[in-house]
């Protein structure tokens, strides 16, 4: 699983490398942005169900980096150190030609969502013997059903959560700027959905790498991506990741490096803790990350701490006499601009 999130710092005028980051807002009509720093995460989802996601890399996106390029770099770093082939599940932001080009030599597969307004291309017809060989075939517009053609495979099933669904698969498609990377494109249609923004009827997915597994299993893998959203909420609300107001990006990076270690510690403790629900909480059989963290107090009482008790050191000497005071320099927000075509 790969994704990125924002650490909002709108009032940190002296913090270096603040950028404009995406952040959903509940205010109608407001732009979904904030000012702060972005962090890209590659996490391992260990279970087929539940909200557990164990971060493998959790790094800051510098002002000169793009989230897509950062995720591609992290995926190569992680997959290159795992002996087995990996499957990365990503959101629609990564379903684009630049990302596909950057992970062309990735030792694994990628399942990513596609924006519904994209235009892909089919494989070109066989070379006729005259002129330059064609690079693209006919257009495949996701919004135009007349351009889809006959799917390679179809599936109709009933899911306990989504209801009746219909899955269609097309083979050998590609982006216009990434013609050498062939994709398998799937369309997941929920037959009982209302078709609104919150209750979407159709979702487009793209599979990159070796041939995908059967349709009965392939389309369900994408929904494990949401375990990353659960981890972001867990890190921000339970682990207090975004609570400190640190002065430099380096301090924020050192503090952020603790979040994967804390998450793995909670994961390893899940088998030795007892569920201790609060009066308004229901009991759980498979403990969630928040419930395990809530039950760690009994273990800390037994293990103890190597830290010594604080000792009084007297009164602080205060600011040295004669030393001049200088206000911290206020820095402008770094705006990332698009490259010219």
Foldseek 3Di string as FASTA:
>chain_A
DKDKDFLADQPQQLEPQKAKAAADDPDPPDGRIGIGWMWIWDWDDDDLDALDTFTPDIGTAGLVGDNLLVRLVVQQVVQVPDPDADEAAEEQVNVDQVSCVSCVVRRHKYKYWHDQADKKFAQDDPDPPDDDDDLTHDIDHSVDPVRPPAFPDKDWDQDPVLGIKIKTWHWHIGHPNRSPWTKIKMKIARPPFPCDPVGRGIIMMIMTDPDDDDPVPRVSVNVSVCSVVVLVCCCVPPVVLSVDDDNYVVVSRVSVVCSSVVSVVLVVCQVPFDFDDDPVDDDDPRDHSVRSVVRCPVVCVVVDDPDDDDDDDDDDPPDDPPDDDDDRDGDDHSYDDDDDD
